[in-house]
């Protein structure tokens, strides 16, 4: 337990952290990968190149320093990060390595300001946080292993089906190579997939939302081909390089974003490939014949990039489901704002929740958000402005943790 003087010492570094910003975490990752290149097998190097991982770590370190005397404030963020860690197979032995490079980064960037007393306080503070994560992640690993069909670590799976869902998205179905059962999961959770890609020096690990209902025998993910900015190394390989019968390694399902059955209305809000966890929820609703009203709000570029469109039209005939879609591309004369007989409402431009608010259960529903961070911030602000209780807004961020 940190003493009051140690807490005050850690808090005294907040101005230094804020002035250094992501230069601190950029230095940290550069240092760590130089001395421990084996960790490149674990970290998403694309996120490193984009700077999103550095930003996520900086925000986490700063939040920890600010709330070190009230860690309950960080409970949700810690839980979400711990789930991400288990999907990457982060182990207790990784934490001393990270702690060493964090302390050395502080020393190298702050010079004489990093006194022995300050070093001792931050070392103890890091150990305290590491113990929290190790404890939570240990419990998550144990829970996964104890499930029927559960396991810990990497498990070999075989690609048994590949299906086109839209212009940019394909679904892939994997079955375990050992022929056994697979652990069930909650709709909204994701799996970690580990594979080797030709031309890459390090194994690649990515997380993908599970896009179907749990069935004990297989897992389905739906992957968008990344073609803007830097082509996606893993997404393009999954689209073009991975063949039926090929093997990958999967880590057990994880994630603290999932549907909780309160027997109340549900509003699903997504953009782009962010609809994948929503699809798992919809398939689960169909299987359970969910009796409450469901509203599926989706935004994408155009009808050709609208994944699962026909499937969701069909589900609207079997559930109390209303589908809305916003197409940003309005260059098609046949796009009209009208209720389709199969249960879809089509709109133009950016998602405008206020325009349909009078048809939504704003005060009684739970709202689930997934998509690019900018979109989710945009959608969440609309919901708050319309009077939705923040406690009823749930979200998932692809990639490094971020707050809305």
Protein backbone atom coordinates (compact mmCIF):
# COMPACT_ATOMS: atom_id res chain seq x y z
CA UNK A 1 0.00 0.00 0.00
CA UNK A 2 1.33 3.42 -0.95
CA UNK A 3 1.92 5.91 1.83
CA UNK A 4 0.44 9.40 1.65
CA UNK A 5 3.84 10.89 0.90
CA UNK A 6 4.37 8.40 -1.96
CA UNK A 7 0.93 9.27 -3.37
CA UNK A 8 1.81 12.95 -3.26
CA UNK A 9 5.12 12.28 -5.02
CA UNK A 10 3.39 10.43 -7.85
CA UNK A 11 0.79 13.19 -8.18
CA UNK A 12 3.58 15.79 -8.31
CA UNK A 13 4.64 14.34 -11.67
CA UNK A 14 1.27 15.10 -13.32
CA UNK A 15 2.46 18.45 -14.80
CA UNK A 16 5.57 16.70 -16.17
CA UNK A 17 3.47 13.95 -17.73
CA UNK A 18 1.06 16.47 -19.25
CA UNK A 19 3.86 18.56 -20.74
CA UNK A 20 5.62 15.48 -22.13
CA UNK A 21 2.43 13.96 -23.51
CA UNK A 22 2.87 11.04 -25.93
CA UNK A 23 6.59 11.78 -26.36
CA UNK A 24 6.97 9.89 -23.09
CA UNK A 25 5.16 6.76 -24.24
CA UNK A 26 6.75 6.91 -27.70
CA UNK A 27 10.16 6.85 -26.00
CA UNK A 28 8.98 4.00 -23.78
CA UNK A 29 7.92 1.76 -26.67
CA UNK A 30 11.05 2.55 -28.68
CA UNK A 31 13.18 1.65 -25.68
CA UNK A 32 11.27 -1.52 -24.83
CA UNK A 33 11.28 -2.88 -28.38
CA UNK A 34 14.99 -2.14 -28.71
CA UNK A 35 15.83 -4.12 -25.56
CA UNK A 36 13.06 -6.71 -25.75
CA UNK A 37 12.24 -7.20 -29.46
CA UNK A 38 10.43 -10.45 -28.63
CA UNK A 39 7.52 -8.31 -27.43
CA UNK A 40 6.90 -7.32 -31.05
CA UNK A 41 5.22 -10.72 -31.30
CA UNK A 42 2.61 -9.44 -28.83
CA UNK A 43 2.00 -5.79 -29.68
CA UNK A 44 0.12 -4.59 -32.76
CA UNK A 45 2.86 -2.78 -34.67
CA UNK A 46 0.31 -1.09 -36.92
CA UNK A 47 -1.12 0.66 -33.86
CA UNK A 48 2.43 1.66 -33.00
CA UNK A 49 2.93 3.18 -36.44
CA UNK A 50 -0.37 5.08 -36.21
CA UNK A 51 0.42 6.33 -32.69
CA UNK A 52 -2.82 5.02 -31.20
CA UNK A 53 -1.05 2.67 -28.78
CA UNK A 54 1.19 5.46 -27.51
CA UNK A 55 -1.83 7.69 -26.94
CA UNK A 56 -3.71 4.94 -25.12
CA UNK A 57 -0.78 4.23 -22.80
CA UNK A 58 -0.18 7.92 -22.09
CA UNK A 59 -3.84 8.42 -21.18
CA UNK A 60 -3.70 5.35 -18.92
CA UNK A 61 -0.54 6.47 -17.11
CA UNK A 62 -1.90 10.00 -16.66
CA UNK A 63 -5.25 8.71 -15.39
CA UNK A 64 -3.46 6.44 -12.93
CA UNK A 65 -1.35 9.30 -11.58
CA UNK A 66 -4.42 11.52 -11.18
CA UNK A 67 -6.51 8.85 -9.46
CA UNK A 68 -3.87 6.91 -7.58
CA UNK A 69 -5.65 7.65 -4.29
CA UNK A 70 -9.06 6.63 -5.72
CA UNK A 71 -8.57 3.61 -7.98
CA UNK A 72 -12.30 2.81 -7.97
CA UNK A 73 -12.67 5.58 -10.57
CA UNK A 74 -10.55 3.50 -12.95
CA UNK A 75 -12.41 0.22 -12.41
CA UNK A 76 -14.15 0.15 -15.79
CA UNK A 77 -11.00 1.10 -17.72
CA UNK A 78 -8.91 -1.48 -15.83
CA UNK A 79 -11.48 -4.19 -16.57
CA UNK A 80 -11.56 -3.33 -20.26
CA UNK A 81 -7.76 -3.27 -20.56
CA UNK A 82 -7.46 -6.56 -18.65
CA UNK A 83 -9.79 -8.23 -21.14
CA UNK A 84 -7.67 -6.86 -24.02
CA UNK A 85 -4.58 -8.27 -22.32
CA UNK A 86 -6.05 -11.77 -22.06
CA UNK A 87 -6.86 -11.73 -25.77
CA UNK A 88 -3.14 -11.07 -26.35
CA UNK A 89 -2.07 -13.75 -23.84
CA UNK A 90 -0.28 -11.21 -21.64
CA UNK A 91 1.31 -13.04 -18.70
CA UNK A 92 2.56 -12.04 -15.25
CA UNK A 93 6.19 -12.24 -16.41
CA UNK A 94 5.61 -9.42 -18.90
CA UNK A 95 4.87 -6.85 -16.19
CA UNK A 96 8.40 -6.52 -14.71
CA UNK A 97 9.75 -5.89 -18.23
CA UNK A 98 7.21 -3.13 -18.86
CA UNK A 99 7.81 -1.65 -15.40
CA UNK A 100 11.57 -1.54 -15.91
CA UNK A 101 11.30 0.33 -19.19
CA UNK A 102 8.70 2.74 -17.81
CA UNK A 103 10.94 3.72 -14.90
CA UNK A 104 13.98 4.02 -17.17
CA UNK A 105 11.94 6.20 -19.55
CA UNK A 106 11.07 8.57 -16.69
CA UNK A 107 14.74 8.68 -15.69
CA UNK A 108 16.01 9.34 -19.22
CA UNK A 109 13.46 12.03 -20.05
CA UNK A 110 13.35 13.93 -16.74
CA UNK A 111 17.00 13.76 -15.66
CA UNK A 112 17.67 15.21 -12.21
CA UNK A 113 13.96 15.79 -11.62
CA UNK A 114 13.56 12.03 -11.21
CA UNK A 115 14.94 11.84 -7.69
CA UNK A 116 15.56 8.57 -5.83
CA UNK A 117 12.44 9.29 -3.74
CA UNK A 118 10.34 9.82 -6.86
CA UNK A 119 11.73 6.68 -8.47
CA UNK A 120 10.88 4.64 -5.37
CA UNK A 121 7.34 6.04 -5.30
CA UNK A 122 6.68 5.35 -8.99
CA UNK A 123 8.24 1.87 -8.74
CA UNK A 124 5.90 1.02 -5.88
CA UNK A 125 2.94 2.60 -7.70
CA UNK A 126 3.63 0.55 -10.83
CA UNK A 127 3.94 -2.65 -8.79
CA UNK A 128 0.59 -1.90 -7.18
CA UNK A 129 -1.07 -1.47 -10.58
CA UNK A 130 0.66 -4.56 -12.01
CA UNK A 131 -0.66 -6.67 -9.14
CA UNK A 132 -4.19 -5.45 -9.87
CA UNK A 133 -3.92 -6.44 -13.54
CA UNK A 134 -2.21 -9.76 -12.82
CA UNK A 135 -4.96 -10.65 -10.37
CA UNK A 136 -7.84 -9.74 -12.69
CA UNK A 137 -6.23 -11.40 -15.71
CA UNK A 138 -5.42 -14.53 -13.70
CA UNK A 139 -9.08 -14.84 -12.78
CA UNK A 140 -10.14 -14.33 -16.41
CA UNK A 141 -7.72 -17.00 -17.64
CA UNK A 142 -8.96 -19.42 -15.00
CA UNK A 143 -12.61 -18.74 -15.87
CA UNK A 144 -11.91 -19.37 -19.56
CA UNK A 145 -10.08 -22.63 -18.86
CA UNK A 146 -12.82 -23.95 -16.58
CA UNK A 147 -15.64 -23.51 -19.11
CA UNK A 148 -16.85 -26.47 -21.12
CA UNK A 149 -14.73 -26.32 -24.27
CA UNK A 150 -12.52 -23.70 -22.63
CA UNK A 151 -8.76 -23.38 -22.75
CA UNK A 152 -5.86 -21.10 -21.83
CA UNK A 153 -3.15 -19.86 -24.16
CA UNK A 154 -3.11 -20.47 -27.90
CA UNK A 155 -5.28 -23.21 -29.42
CA UNK A 156 -5.13 -24.36 -33.03
CA UNK A 157 -8.20 -23.82 -35.21
CA UNK A 158 -8.95 -24.63 -38.86
CA UNK A 159 -10.67 -22.31 -41.33
CA UNK A 160 -13.75 -24.22 -42.51
CA UNK A 161 -15.84 -21.54 -44.23
CA UNK A 162 -15.35 -18.18 -45.93
CA UNK A 163 -18.33 -16.05 -46.95
CA UNK A 164 -18.73 -12.64 -48.60
CA UNK A 165 -20.95 -10.28 -46.56
CA UNK A 166 -20.42 -7.05 -48.54
CA UNK A 167 -17.97 -5.28 -50.83
CA UNK A 168 -15.29 -5.11 -48.10
CA UNK A 169 -16.30 -7.66 -45.46
CA UNK A 170 -15.90 -11.44 -45.37
CA UNK A 171 -16.96 -13.83 -42.62
CA UNK A 172 -14.59 -16.61 -41.59
CA UNK A 173 -15.62 -19.66 -39.57
CA UNK A 174 -13.07 -21.62 -37.51
CA UNK A 175 -13.37 -25.03 -35.87
CA UNK A 176 -10.84 -26.44 -33.35
CA UNK A 177 -8.16 -28.68 -34.86
CA UNK A 178 -8.48 -31.08 -31.91
CA UNK A 179 -12.15 -31.74 -32.75
CA UNK A 180 -13.32 -30.70 -29.31
CA UNK A 181 -15.98 -28.26 -28.17
CA UNK A 182 -15.36 -24.52 -27.87
CA UNK A 183 -16.25 -22.24 -24.99
CA UNK A 184 -19.45 -20.26 -25.20
CA UNK A 185 -19.28 -16.48 -25.09
CA UNK A 186 -21.52 -13.49 -24.54
CA UNK A 187 -22.76 -11.68 -27.67
CA UNK A 188 -20.49 -8.68 -28.15
CA UNK A 189 -17.24 -10.33 -27.03
CA UNK A 190 -14.20 -10.93 -29.25
CA UNK A 191 -11.38 -13.41 -29.79
CA UNK A 192 -7.66 -12.92 -30.31
CA UNK A 193 -6.23 -14.50 -33.44
CA UNK A 194 -2.50 -15.20 -33.84
CA UNK A 195 -0.87 -16.06 -37.13
CA UNK A 196 2.28 -15.73 -39.17
CA UNK A 197 2.07 -13.66 -42.34
CA UNK A 198 4.58 -14.05 -45.16
CA UNK A 199 7.02 -11.15 -45.30
CA UNK A 200 6.48 -10.17 -41.64
CA UNK A 201 9.25 -10.75 -39.09
CA UNK A 202 6.91 -11.13 -36.15
CA UNK A 203 3.74 -13.05 -35.38
CA UNK A 204 0.62 -10.96 -35.74
CA UNK A 205 -2.09 -10.87 -33.06
CA UNK A 206 -5.41 -9.12 -33.64
CA UNK A 207 -8.80 -9.04 -31.93
CA UNK A 208 -12.02 -9.53 -33.88
CA UNK A 209 -15.57 -9.42 -32.58
CA UNK A 210 -17.46 -12.68 -32.82
CA UNK A 211 -20.23 -12.07 -35.35
CA UNK A 212 -22.52 -15.07 -34.81
CA UNK A 213 -24.32 -16.67 -31.89
CA UNK A 214 -22.48 -19.11 -29.64
CA UNK A 215 -22.87 -22.72 -30.81
CA UNK A 216 -20.21 -24.77 -28.91
CA UNK A 217 -18.54 -25.98 -32.14
CA UNK A 218 -17.09 -23.01 -34.02
CA UNK A 219 -16.33 -19.29 -33.99
CA UNK A 220 -17.22 -16.77 -36.68
CA UNK A 221 -15.51 -13.42 -37.25
CA UNK A 222 -16.28 -10.89 -39.98
CA UNK A 223 -13.28 -8.95 -41.25
CA UNK A 224 -13.12 -5.73 -43.22
CA UNK A 225 -10.48 -5.41 -45.92
CA UNK A 226 -8.42 -2.34 -44.94
CA UNK A 227 -7.52 -0.38 -48.08
CA UNK A 228 -7.30 3.24 -46.86
CA UNK A 229 -4.01 4.73 -45.60
CA UNK A 230 -1.91 1.64 -44.78
CA UNK A 231 -3.33 -1.62 -46.18
CA UNK A 232 -4.18 -3.99 -43.32
CA UNK A 233 -1.52 -6.68 -42.98
CA UNK A 234 -3.74 -9.15 -41.17
CA UNK A 235 -7.11 -8.18 -42.64
CA UNK A 236 -5.86 -8.52 -46.20
CA UNK A 237 -4.18 -11.83 -45.36
CA UNK A 238 -7.42 -13.15 -43.89
CA UNK A 239 -9.25 -12.04 -47.05
CA UNK A 240 -6.78 -13.27 -49.65
CA UNK A 241 -4.04 -15.41 -48.11
CA UNK A 242 -5.79 -17.72 -45.66
CA UNK A 243 -7.31 -20.75 -47.41
CA UNK A 244 -9.89 -23.30 -46.32
CA UNK A 245 -8.11 -25.92 -44.25
CA UNK A 246 -5.37 -23.52 -43.07
CA UNK A 247 -4.62 -23.26 -39.36
CA UNK A 248 -4.52 -20.27 -37.04
CA UNK A 249 -4.19 -19.95 -33.28
CA UNK A 250 -7.01 -18.45 -31.23
CA UNK A 251 -7.10 -17.13 -27.69
CA UNK A 252 -10.30 -17.68 -25.71
CA UNK A 253 -13.18 -15.18 -26.03
CA UNK A 254 -12.95 -12.09 -23.84
CA UNK A 255 -14.29 -8.56 -23.54
CA UNK A 256 -16.48 -6.65 -21.10
CA UNK A 257 -18.77 -5.27 -23.83
CA UNK A 258 -21.69 -7.62 -24.27
CA UNK A 259 -25.46 -7.77 -24.18
CA UNK A 260 -27.01 -8.04 -20.72
CA UNK A 261 -30.57 -9.33 -20.76
CA UNK A 262 -32.70 -6.93 -18.70
CA UNK A 263 -35.87 -7.86 -20.59
CA UNK A 264 -36.07 -4.29 -21.85
CA UNK A 265 -35.80 -2.63 -25.28
CA UNK A 266 -32.41 -2.58 -27.01
CA UNK A 267 -30.92 -0.04 -29.43
CA UNK A 268 -27.84 -1.15 -31.41
CA UNK A 269 -25.81 1.69 -32.96
CA UNK A 270 -22.90 0.92 -35.29
CA UNK A 271 -20.83 2.20 -38.18
CA UNK A 272 -18.82 0.29 -40.75
CA UNK A 273 -17.46 -3.02 -39.50
CA UNK A 274 -18.56 -1.99 -36.00
CA UNK A 275 -21.76 -3.89 -36.75
CA UNK A 276 -20.03 -7.24 -36.09
CA UNK A 277 -20.73 -7.49 -32.33
CA UNK A 278 -24.25 -6.21 -33.04
CA UNK A 279 -24.75 -9.08 -35.47
CA UNK A 280 -23.83 -11.55 -32.72
CA UNK A 281 -26.46 -9.91 -30.52
CA UNK A 282 -29.10 -10.04 -33.27
CA UNK A 283 -28.42 -13.71 -33.98
CA UNK A 284 -28.68 -14.42 -30.25
CA UNK A 285 -31.97 -12.51 -30.06
CA UNK A 286 -33.33 -14.58 -32.94
CA UNK A 287 -32.25 -17.85 -31.35
CA UNK A 288 -33.88 -16.88 -28.04
CA UNK A 289 -36.92 -15.26 -29.69
CA UNK A 290 -36.27 -12.10 -27.68
CA UNK A 291 -39.66 -10.56 -26.95
CA UNK A 292 -38.64 -6.93 -26.44
CA UNK A 293 -38.33 -4.23 -29.13
CA UNK A 294 -34.98 -4.07 -30.93
CA UNK A 295 -33.73 -1.13 -32.99
CA UNK A 296 -30.71 -1.63 -35.24
CA UNK A 297 -29.15 1.71 -36.34
CA UNK A 298 -26.24 1.39 -38.77
CA UNK A 299 -24.13 3.82 -40.82
CA UNK A 300 -21.91 2.91 -43.77
CA UNK A 301 -20.61 4.35 -47.02
CA UNK A 302 -23.16 2.87 -49.42
CA UNK A 303 -25.41 -0.11 -50.03
CA UNK A 304 -22.53 -2.17 -51.44
CA UNK A 305 -20.66 -1.88 -48.13
CA UNK A 306 -23.73 -2.71 -46.04
CA UNK A 307 -22.90 -6.08 -44.48
CA UNK A 308 -25.62 -8.53 -43.36
CA UNK A 309 -28.32 -6.42 -45.05
CA UNK A 310 -30.40 -9.33 -46.37
CA UNK A 311 -29.94 -11.29 -43.17
CA UNK A 312 -31.20 -8.41 -41.04
CA UNK A 313 -34.14 -7.83 -43.36
CA UNK A 314 -35.12 -11.46 -42.83
CA UNK A 315 -34.71 -11.20 -39.06
CA UNK A 316 -37.07 -8.19 -39.00
CA UNK A 317 -39.84 -10.58 -40.06
CA UNK A 318 -39.21 -12.85 -37.06
CA UNK A 319 -38.39 -10.37 -34.27
CA UNK A 320 -39.71 -7.05 -33.04
CA UNK A 321 -36.80 -5.56 -34.97
CA UNK A 322 -36.67 -2.21 -36.75
CA UNK A 323 -33.66 -1.58 -38.99
CA UNK A 324 -32.38 1.89 -39.88
CA UNK A 325 -29.39 2.56 -42.14
CA UNK A 326 -27.64 5.81 -43.08
CA UNK A 327 -25.74 5.77 -46.38
CA UNK A 328 -23.16 8.52 -46.69
CA UNK A 329 -22.86 8.09 -50.45
CA UNK A 330 -25.98 9.73 -51.91
CA UNK A 331 -25.08 9.49 -55.61
CA UNK A 332 -27.66 6.84 -56.27
CA UNK A 333 -31.06 8.01 -57.43
CA UNK A 334 -32.78 4.91 -56.09
CA UNK A 335 -31.91 5.76 -52.44
CA UNK A 336 -35.14 7.08 -50.99
CA UNK A 337 -36.22 7.77 -47.45
CA UNK A 338 -38.96 5.18 -47.08
CA UNK A 339 -40.05 2.21 -44.99
CA UNK A 340 -39.27 -0.95 -46.89
CA UNK A 341 -41.62 -3.92 -46.68
CA UNK A 342 -38.80 -6.02 -45.24
CA UNK A 343 -38.29 -3.73 -42.27
CA UNK A 344 -35.54 -1.27 -43.31
CA UNK A 345 -35.60 2.52 -43.17
CA UNK A 346 -32.98 4.16 -45.39
CA UNK A 347 -31.51 7.61 -44.70
CA UNK A 348 -28.80 9.80 -46.21
CA UNK A 349 -25.70 11.39 -44.74
CA UNK A 350 -24.46 11.13 -41.16
CA UNK A 351 -26.51 9.30 -38.57
CA UNK A 352 -29.10 11.66 -37.09
CA UNK A 353 -30.62 9.99 -34.06
CA UNK A 354 -32.71 13.06 -33.18
CA UNK A 355 -34.61 12.67 -36.47
CA UNK A 356 -36.03 9.32 -35.32
CA UNK A 357 -35.91 9.87 -31.55
CA UNK A 358 -39.68 9.95 -31.22
CA UNK A 359 -39.79 6.34 -32.50
CA UNK A 360 -37.12 5.08 -30.06
CA UNK A 361 -37.53 4.07 -26.37
CA UNK A 362 -35.07 6.74 -25.20
CA UNK A 363 -35.88 6.36 -21.51
CA UNK A 364 -36.21 2.59 -21.21
CA UNK A 365 -33.64 1.07 -23.57
CA UNK A 366 -30.01 0.10 -23.29
CA UNK A 367 -27.85 1.52 -26.09
CA UNK A 368 -24.89 -0.45 -27.49
CA UNK A 369 -22.33 1.42 -29.62
CA UNK A 370 -19.51 0.12 -31.81
CA UNK A 371 -17.52 1.71 -34.64
CA UNK A 372 -14.72 4.24 -35.10
CA UNK A 373 -14.05 6.26 -31.94
CA UNK A 374 -15.06 9.52 -33.63
CA UNK A 375 -18.40 8.03 -34.67
CA UNK A 376 -19.10 6.70 -31.19
CA UNK A 377 -18.32 10.06 -29.58
CA UNK A 378 -20.68 11.66 -32.10
CA UNK A 379 -23.43 9.13 -31.37
CA UNK A 380 -22.96 9.21 -27.61
CA UNK A 381 -23.22 13.00 -27.53
CA UNK A 382 -26.46 12.81 -29.49
CA UNK A 383 -27.86 10.32 -26.98
CA UNK A 384 -26.85 12.45 -23.99
CA UNK A 385 -28.38 15.53 -25.60
CA UNK A 386 -31.60 13.56 -26.08
CA UNK A 387 -31.66 12.74 -22.38
CA UNK A 388 -30.37 9.16 -22.34
CA UNK A 389 -28.81 8.16 -19.01
CA UNK A 390 -25.07 7.63 -19.50
CA UNK A 391 -25.31 4.42 -17.46
CA UNK A 392 -27.45 2.97 -20.26
CA UNK A 393 -24.83 3.63 -22.96
CA UNK A 394 -22.34 0.80 -23.55
CA UNK A 395 -19.54 0.77 -26.13
CA UNK A 396 -16.66 -1.20 -27.60
CA UNK A 397 -13.46 0.30 -29.06
CA UNK A 398 -11.52 -1.57 -31.73
CA UNK A 399 -7.80 -1.42 -30.96
CA UNK A 400 -6.19 0.31 -27.95
CA UNK A 401 -8.49 1.40 -25.15
CA UNK A 402 -10.01 4.86 -25.49
CA UNK A 403 -12.64 6.80 -23.56
CA UNK A 404 -15.60 8.49 -25.25
